[in-house]
Amino acid sequence: QVQLVESGGGSVQAGGSLRLSCAGATSTSLYDHTRYYMGWFRQAPGKEREGVAAIYVGNTNTYYGDSVKGRFTISHDNAKDTLYLQMTSLRPEDTAMYYCATGRARRGMGAMQAVADPDYRGQGTQVTVSS
């Protein structure tokens, strides 16, 4: 059974930082190729899913949603097979459930769409930013 296990959510004040972690994003049980993205999407109550950040496994290029560019950094530790999302300068509008996800590269679909409509996802971790 595929498992993506997130950790690191919590509550912070605006301007603060958090780091999310996700174990298992490049497990061989997920895909037998590297044509997929690993990353994060978020969903706040009453809002649509939003792709936040992604890495294309085939070439390690990184991608970010417009709302988090310059504030969030995605990275992957190959030795630990752990995906990270370093979040800085957090804002109240960043409050959401954050999910680790993997999604195949599909024609006509960008990186943010691939992780927001994933093949696999974790159970989610809550991030709450207070003003």
N, C-alpha and C. Protein backbone atom coordinates (compact mmCIF):
# COMPACT_ATOMS: atom_id res chain seq x y z
N GLN A 1 0.84 -1.19 0.00
CA GLN A 1 0.00 0.00 0.00
C GLN A 1 0.88 1.24 0.00
N VAL A 2 0.55 2.16 -0.91
CA VAL A 2 1.33 3.38 -1.02
C VAL A 2 1.05 4.27 0.17
N GLN A 3 2.12 4.81 0.75
CA GLN A 3 1.94 5.73 1.85
C GLN A 3 2.80 6.96 1.66
N LEU A 4 2.18 8.09 1.74
CA LEU A 4 2.87 9.36 1.81
C LEU A 4 2.54 9.92 3.18
N VAL A 5 3.55 10.13 3.99
CA VAL A 5 3.31 10.51 5.38
C VAL A 5 3.85 11.91 5.62
N GLU A 6 2.93 12.84 5.90
CA GLU A 6 3.32 14.22 6.15
C GLU A 6 3.52 14.48 7.63
N SER A 7 4.31 15.51 7.90
CA SER A 7 4.46 16.01 9.26
C SER A 7 4.91 17.46 9.19
N GLY A 8 4.80 18.16 10.31
CA GLY A 8 5.35 19.50 10.40
C GLY A 8 4.37 20.65 10.39
N GLY A 9 3.10 20.38 10.28
CA GLY A 9 2.14 21.47 10.32
C GLY A 9 2.03 22.07 11.70
N GLY A 10 1.26 23.12 11.83
CA GLY A 10 1.07 23.75 13.12
C GLY A 10 0.50 25.13 12.98
N SER A 11 0.57 25.88 14.08
CA SER A 11 0.04 27.24 14.12
C SER A 11 1.18 28.22 14.34
N VAL A 12 1.19 29.28 13.53
CA VAL A 12 2.20 30.32 13.66
C VAL A 12 1.55 31.67 13.44
N GLN A 13 2.25 32.70 13.84
CA GLN A 13 1.79 34.05 13.57
C GLN A 13 2.27 34.48 12.19
N ALA A 14 1.58 35.44 11.64
CA ALA A 14 1.96 35.98 10.34
C ALA A 14 3.42 36.42 10.37
N GLY A 15 4.12 36.10 9.29
CA GLY A 15 5.54 36.40 9.23
C GLY A 15 6.42 35.26 9.67
N GLY A 16 5.83 34.26 10.28
CA GLY A 16 6.60 33.13 10.78
C GLY A 16 6.91 32.10 9.71
N SER A 17 7.53 31.01 10.16
CA SER A 17 7.97 29.96 9.24
C SER A 17 7.57 28.60 9.76
N LEU A 18 7.39 27.67 8.83
CA LEU A 18 7.16 26.27 9.14
C LEU A 18 7.83 25.43 8.07
N ARG A 19 8.19 24.20 8.43
CA ARG A 19 8.69 23.27 7.43
C ARG A 19 7.87 22.00 7.47
N LEU A 20 7.31 21.66 6.33
CA LEU A 20 6.56 20.42 6.19
C LEU A 20 7.47 19.34 5.62
N SER A 21 7.22 18.11 6.04
CA SER A 21 7.98 16.97 5.55
C SER A 21 7.03 15.90 5.04
N CYS A 22 7.51 15.13 4.07
CA CYS A 22 6.70 14.03 3.52
C CYS A 22 7.63 12.90 3.16
N ALA A 23 7.41 11.75 3.77
CA ALA A 23 8.24 10.58 3.50
C ALA A 23 7.60 9.70 2.43
N GLY A 24 8.43 9.20 1.53
CA GLY A 24 7.96 8.19 0.59
C GLY A 24 7.60 8.66 -0.80
N ALA A 25 7.93 9.91 -1.15
CA ALA A 25 7.46 10.47 -2.43
C ALA A 25 8.12 9.84 -3.65
N THR A 26 9.26 9.19 -3.51
CA THR A 26 9.87 8.56 -4.68
C THR A 26 9.97 7.05 -4.49
N SER A 27 9.10 6.53 -3.66
CA SER A 27 9.08 5.08 -3.47
C SER A 27 8.83 4.38 -4.80
N THR A 28 9.52 3.30 -5.04
CA THR A 28 9.34 2.56 -6.29
C THR A 28 7.97 1.92 -6.39
N SER A 29 7.25 1.90 -5.29
CA SER A 29 5.91 1.33 -5.34
C SER A 29 4.91 2.30 -5.97
N LEU A 30 5.33 3.55 -6.18
CA LEU A 30 4.43 4.53 -6.78
C LEU A 30 4.42 4.44 -8.30
N TYR A 31 5.60 4.48 -8.90
CA TYR A 31 5.71 4.48 -10.35
C TYR A 31 6.94 3.66 -10.75
N ASP A 32 6.93 3.16 -11.98
CA ASP A 32 8.12 2.48 -12.49
C ASP A 32 8.84 3.37 -13.50
N HIS A 33 8.63 4.67 -13.42
CA HIS A 33 9.31 5.63 -14.29
C HIS A 33 9.46 6.92 -13.50
N THR A 34 10.08 7.92 -14.12
CA THR A 34 10.32 9.19 -13.41
C THR A 34 9.55 10.35 -14.03
N ARG A 35 8.55 10.03 -14.85
CA ARG A 35 7.79 11.09 -15.52
C ARG A 35 6.62 11.53 -14.64
N TYR A 36 6.97 12.02 -13.44
CA TYR A 36 5.92 12.49 -12.56
C TYR A 36 6.43 13.61 -11.67
N TYR A 37 5.50 14.28 -11.05
CA TYR A 37 5.82 15.36 -10.14
C TYR A 37 5.56 14.90 -8.70
N MET A 38 6.37 15.38 -7.79
CA MET A 38 6.08 15.24 -6.37
C MET A 38 5.99 16.66 -5.82
N GLY A 39 5.06 16.86 -4.92
CA GLY A 39 4.90 18.21 -4.42
C GLY A 39 3.81 18.34 -3.39
N TRP A 40 3.25 19.53 -3.32
CA TRP A 40 2.27 19.88 -2.29
C TRP A 40 1.12 20.64 -2.91
N PHE A 41 -0.06 20.32 -2.44
CA PHE A 41 -1.20 21.17 -2.72
C PHE A 41 -1.86 21.51 -1.39
N ARG A 42 -2.69 22.51 -1.40
CA ARG A 42 -3.40 22.91 -0.18
C ARG A 42 -4.86 23.15 -0.49
N GLN A 43 -5.65 23.04 0.55
CA GLN A 43 -7.07 23.30 0.41
C GLN A 43 -7.60 23.90 1.69
N ALA A 44 -8.18 25.06 1.57
CA ALA A 44 -8.82 25.73 2.70
C ALA A 44 -10.32 25.48 2.62
N PRO A 45 -11.02 25.53 3.72
CA PRO A 45 -12.47 25.29 3.72
C PRO A 45 -13.18 26.21 2.74
N GLY A 46 -13.99 25.62 1.89
CA GLY A 46 -14.77 26.39 0.94
C GLY A 46 -14.01 26.87 -0.28
N LYS A 47 -12.75 26.47 -0.39
CA LYS A 47 -11.93 26.91 -1.52
C LYS A 47 -11.47 25.70 -2.33
N GLU A 48 -11.11 25.96 -3.57
CA GLU A 48 -10.60 24.90 -4.43
C GLU A 48 -9.17 24.53 -4.05
N ARG A 49 -8.80 23.32 -4.44
CA ARG A 49 -7.43 22.91 -4.26
C ARG A 49 -6.50 23.84 -5.02
N GLU A 50 -5.34 24.07 -4.45
CA GLU A 50 -4.35 24.94 -5.08
C GLU A 50 -2.99 24.25 -5.03
N GLY A 51 -2.41 24.04 -6.19
CA GLY A 51 -1.04 23.53 -6.24
C GLY A 51 -0.11 24.57 -5.65
N VAL A 52 0.79 24.13 -4.79
CA VAL A 52 1.69 25.05 -4.09
C VAL A 52 3.10 24.98 -4.66
N ALA A 53 3.65 23.78 -4.74
CA ALA A 53 5.03 23.62 -5.20
C ALA A 53 5.21 22.19 -5.68
N ALA A 54 6.15 22.01 -6.62
CA ALA A 54 6.37 20.67 -7.16
C ALA A 54 7.78 20.53 -7.69
N ILE A 55 8.24 19.29 -7.71
CA ILE A 55 9.50 18.92 -8.34
C ILE A 55 9.18 17.88 -9.41
N TYR A 56 9.71 18.07 -10.60
CA TYR A 56 9.58 17.04 -11.63
C TYR A 56 10.69 16.03 -11.42
N VAL A 57 10.32 14.81 -11.12
CA VAL A 57 11.30 13.81 -10.73
C VAL A 57 12.30 13.52 -11.83
N GLY A 58 11.87 13.60 -13.09
CA GLY A 58 12.75 13.27 -14.20
C GLY A 58 13.97 14.16 -14.34
N ASN A 59 13.82 15.46 -13.95
CA ASN A 59 14.97 16.36 -14.11
C ASN A 59 15.18 17.27 -12.90
N THR A 60 14.41 17.07 -11.85
CA THR A 60 14.47 17.82 -10.57
C THR A 60 14.16 19.31 -10.72
N ASN A 61 13.58 19.74 -11.83
CA ASN A 61 13.13 21.13 -11.93
C ASN A 61 12.05 21.39 -10.88
N THR A 62 12.06 22.61 -10.36
CA THR A 62 11.06 22.99 -9.35
C THR A 62 10.07 24.01 -9.91
N TYR A 63 8.88 23.97 -9.36
CA TYR A 63 7.79 24.83 -9.81
C TYR A 63 7.03 25.33 -8.58
N TYR A 64 6.50 26.56 -8.70
CA TYR A 64 5.78 27.14 -7.58
C TYR A 64 4.51 27.83 -8.07
N GLY A 65 3.50 27.81 -7.20
CA GLY A 65 2.31 28.59 -7.47
C GLY A 65 2.62 30.08 -7.30
N ASP A 66 1.90 30.90 -8.02
CA ASP A 66 2.17 32.34 -8.00
C ASP A 66 2.06 32.92 -6.59
N SER A 67 1.16 32.41 -5.79
CA SER A 67 0.92 33.00 -4.48
C SER A 67 2.03 32.70 -3.47
N VAL A 68 2.91 31.76 -3.78
CA VAL A 68 3.95 31.39 -2.81
C VAL A 68 5.36 31.63 -3.33
N LYS A 69 5.49 32.05 -4.57
CA LYS A 69 6.82 32.28 -5.13
C LYS A 69 7.60 33.27 -4.28
N GLY A 70 8.85 32.92 -4.01
CA GLY A 70 9.70 33.78 -3.22
C GLY A 70 9.56 33.58 -1.72
N ARG A 71 8.54 32.82 -1.30
CA ARG A 71 8.33 32.60 0.13
C ARG A 71 8.49 31.13 0.51
N PHE A 72 8.12 30.23 -0.39
CA PHE A 72 8.19 28.80 -0.11
C PHE A 72 9.30 28.18 -0.95
N THR A 73 9.92 27.13 -0.40
CA THR A 73 10.96 26.40 -1.11
C THR A 73 10.71 24.90 -0.97
N ILE A 74 10.69 24.22 -2.09
CA ILE A 74 10.51 22.77 -2.09
C ILE A 74 11.85 22.11 -2.32
N SER A 75 12.07 21.00 -1.65
CA SER A 75 13.32 20.27 -1.82
C SER A 75 13.08 18.80 -1.50
N HIS A 76 14.04 17.98 -1.91
CA HIS A 76 13.91 16.53 -1.67
C HIS A 76 15.26 15.99 -1.25
N ASP A 77 15.27 15.24 -0.17
CA ASP A 77 16.47 14.57 0.31
C ASP A 77 16.43 13.14 -0.22
N ASN A 78 17.29 12.86 -1.20
CA ASN A 78 17.26 11.54 -1.84
C ASN A 78 17.60 10.42 -0.86
N ALA A 79 18.57 10.66 0.02
CA ALA A 79 18.99 9.61 0.95
C ALA A 79 17.86 9.21 1.88
N LYS A 80 17.06 10.17 2.28
CA LYS A 80 15.96 9.91 3.20
C LYS A 80 14.63 9.72 2.47
N ASP A 81 14.61 9.96 1.16
CA ASP A 81 13.37 9.99 0.38
C ASP A 81 12.31 10.79 1.13
N THR A 82 12.70 11.99 1.47
CA THR A 82 11.79 12.88 2.18
C THR A 82 11.67 14.20 1.42
N LEU A 83 10.46 14.59 1.18
CA LEU A 83 10.14 15.84 0.49
C LEU A 83 9.86 16.90 1.54
N TYR A 84 10.38 18.09 1.30
CA TYR A 84 10.20 19.19 2.25
C TYR A 84 9.52 20.38 1.58
N LEU A 85 8.81 21.14 2.39
CA LEU A 85 8.29 22.43 1.96
C LEU A 85 8.63 23.42 3.06
N GLN A 86 9.62 24.26 2.79
CA GLN A 86 10.00 25.31 3.73
C GLN A 86 9.14 26.53 3.43
N MET A 87 8.39 26.94 4.42
CA MET A 87 7.47 28.07 4.24
C MET A 87 7.92 29.22 5.11
N THR A 88 8.16 30.36 4.51
CA THR A 88 8.56 31.56 5.24
C THR A 88 7.60 32.70 4.94
N SER A 89 7.71 33.76 5.71
CA SER A 89 6.84 34.94 5.54
C SER A 89 5.38 34.52 5.41
N LEU A 90 4.96 33.63 6.28
CA LEU A 90 3.60 33.09 6.19
C LEU A 90 2.56 34.18 6.41
N ARG A 91 1.46 34.02 5.70
CA ARG A 91 0.35 34.97 5.75
C ARG A 91 -0.92 34.24 6.19
N PRO A 92 -1.88 34.97 6.72
CA PRO A 92 -3.14 34.31 7.11
C PRO A 92 -3.78 33.56 5.95
N GLU A 93 -3.62 34.06 4.73
CA GLU A 93 -4.22 33.39 3.57
C GLU A 93 -3.52 32.09 3.20
N ASP A 94 -2.40 31.78 3.86
CA ASP A 94 -1.76 30.49 3.67
C ASP A 94 -2.39 29.39 4.53
N THR A 95 -3.31 29.78 5.40
CA THR A 95 -3.99 28.81 6.25
C THR A 95 -4.77 27.81 5.41
N ALA A 96 -4.47 26.53 5.60
CA ALA A 96 -5.11 25.47 4.81
C ALA A 96 -4.61 24.12 5.31
N MET A 97 -5.25 23.07 4.81
CA MET A 97 -4.69 21.74 4.96
C MET A 97 -3.72 21.53 3.82
N TYR A 98 -2.53 21.10 4.14
CA TYR A 98 -1.50 20.89 3.12
C TYR A 98 -1.31 19.38 2.92
N TYR A 99 -1.27 19.00 1.66
CA TYR A 99 -1.14 17.60 1.31
C TYR A 99 0.10 17.37 0.46
N CYS A 100 0.84 16.35 0.80
CA CYS A 100 1.91 15.85 -0.05
C CYS A 100 1.27 15.01 -1.15
N ALA A 101 1.76 15.13 -2.37
CA ALA A 101 1.09 14.44 -3.47
C ALA A 101 2.07 14.11 -4.58
N THR A 102 1.72 13.11 -5.37
CA THR A 102 2.47 12.81 -6.58
C THR A 102 1.48 12.67 -7.73
N GLY A 103 1.88 13.19 -8.89
CA GLY A 103 1.01 13.14 -10.04
C GLY A 103 1.80 12.96 -11.33
N ARG A 104 1.29 12.09 -12.21
CA ARG A 104 1.96 11.87 -13.50
C ARG A 104 1.96 13.14 -14.33
N ALA A 105 3.01 13.25 -15.15
CA ALA A 105 3.04 14.32 -16.14
C ALA A 105 2.05 13.96 -17.24
N ARG A 106 1.10 14.84 -17.48
CA ARG A 106 0.08 14.58 -18.50
C ARG A 106 0.07 15.72 -19.50
N ARG A 107 -0.16 15.38 -20.74
CA ARG A 107 -0.15 16.37 -21.82
C ARG A 107 -1.14 17.47 -21.51
N GLY A 108 -0.69 18.71 -21.63
CA GLY A 108 -1.56 19.85 -21.42
C GLY A 108 -1.78 20.21 -19.97
N MET A 109 -1.11 19.51 -19.07
CA MET A 109 -1.30 19.77 -17.65
C MET A 109 0.02 20.21 -17.04
N GLY A 110 0.02 21.33 -16.38
CA GLY A 110 1.24 21.83 -15.77
C GLY A 110 1.53 21.19 -14.43
N ALA A 111 2.63 21.64 -13.84
CA ALA A 111 3.08 21.03 -12.58
C ALA A 111 2.08 21.24 -11.46
N MET A 112 1.53 22.44 -11.34
CA MET A 112 0.60 22.72 -10.26
C MET A 112 -0.67 21.88 -10.41
N GLN A 113 -1.12 21.72 -11.64
CA GLN A 113 -2.29 20.88 -11.86
C GLN A 113 -2.00 19.42 -11.53
N ALA A 114 -0.80 18.98 -11.86
CA ALA A 114 -0.44 17.58 -11.64
C ALA A 114 -0.48 17.22 -10.16
N VAL A 115 -0.01 18.12 -9.29
CA VAL A 115 -0.01 17.79 -7.87
C VAL A 115 -1.36 18.09 -7.22
N ALA A 116 -2.13 18.99 -7.81
CA ALA A 116 -3.45 19.29 -7.24
C ALA A 116 -4.49 18.25 -7.63
N ASP A 117 -4.21 17.51 -8.69
CA ASP A 117 -5.08 16.42 -9.12
C ASP A 117 -4.22 15.16 -9.16
N PRO A 118 -3.80 14.69 -8.00
CA PRO A 118 -2.71 13.70 -7.96
C PRO A 118 -3.16 12.25 -8.13
N ASP A 119 -2.17 11.40 -8.36
CA ASP A 119 -2.40 9.97 -8.31
C ASP A 119 -2.40 9.47 -6.87
N TYR A 120 -1.53 10.05 -6.08
CA TYR A 120 -1.40 9.65 -4.69
C TYR A 120 -1.27 10.90 -3.82
N ARG A 121 -1.76 10.79 -2.59
CA ARG A 121 -1.61 11.90 -1.68
C ARG A 121 -1.55 11.38 -0.25
N GLY A 122 -1.01 12.21 0.64
CA GLY A 122 -0.98 11.87 2.05
C GLY A 122 -2.26 12.26 2.76
N GLN A 123 -2.23 12.15 4.06
CA GLN A 123 -3.44 12.41 4.86
C GLN A 123 -3.64 13.89 5.15
N GLY A 124 -2.62 14.69 4.90
CA GLY A 124 -2.72 16.12 5.11
C GLY A 124 -2.22 16.56 6.47
N THR A 125 -1.74 17.80 6.52
CA THR A 125 -1.30 18.39 7.78
C THR A 125 -1.78 19.84 7.79
N GLN A 126 -2.34 20.26 8.91
CA GLN A 126 -2.95 21.59 9.00
C GLN A 126 -1.90 22.66 9.27
N VAL A 127 -2.02 23.74 8.52
CA VAL A 127 -1.21 24.93 8.75
C VAL A 127 -2.17 26.09 9.03
N THR A 128 -1.97 26.75 10.15
CA THR A 128 -2.82 27.86 10.55
C THR A 128 -1.94 29.07 10.83
N VAL A 129 -2.22 30.16 10.14
CA VAL A 129 -1.44 31.38 10.30
C VAL A 129 -2.36 32.46 10.85
N SER A 130 -2.02 33.00 11.99
CA SER A 130 -2.85 34.03 12.62
C SER A 130 -2.24 35.41 12.38
N SER A 131 -3.14 36.39 12.31
CA SER A 131 -2.66 37.76 12.04
C SER A 131 -2.29 38.48 13.32
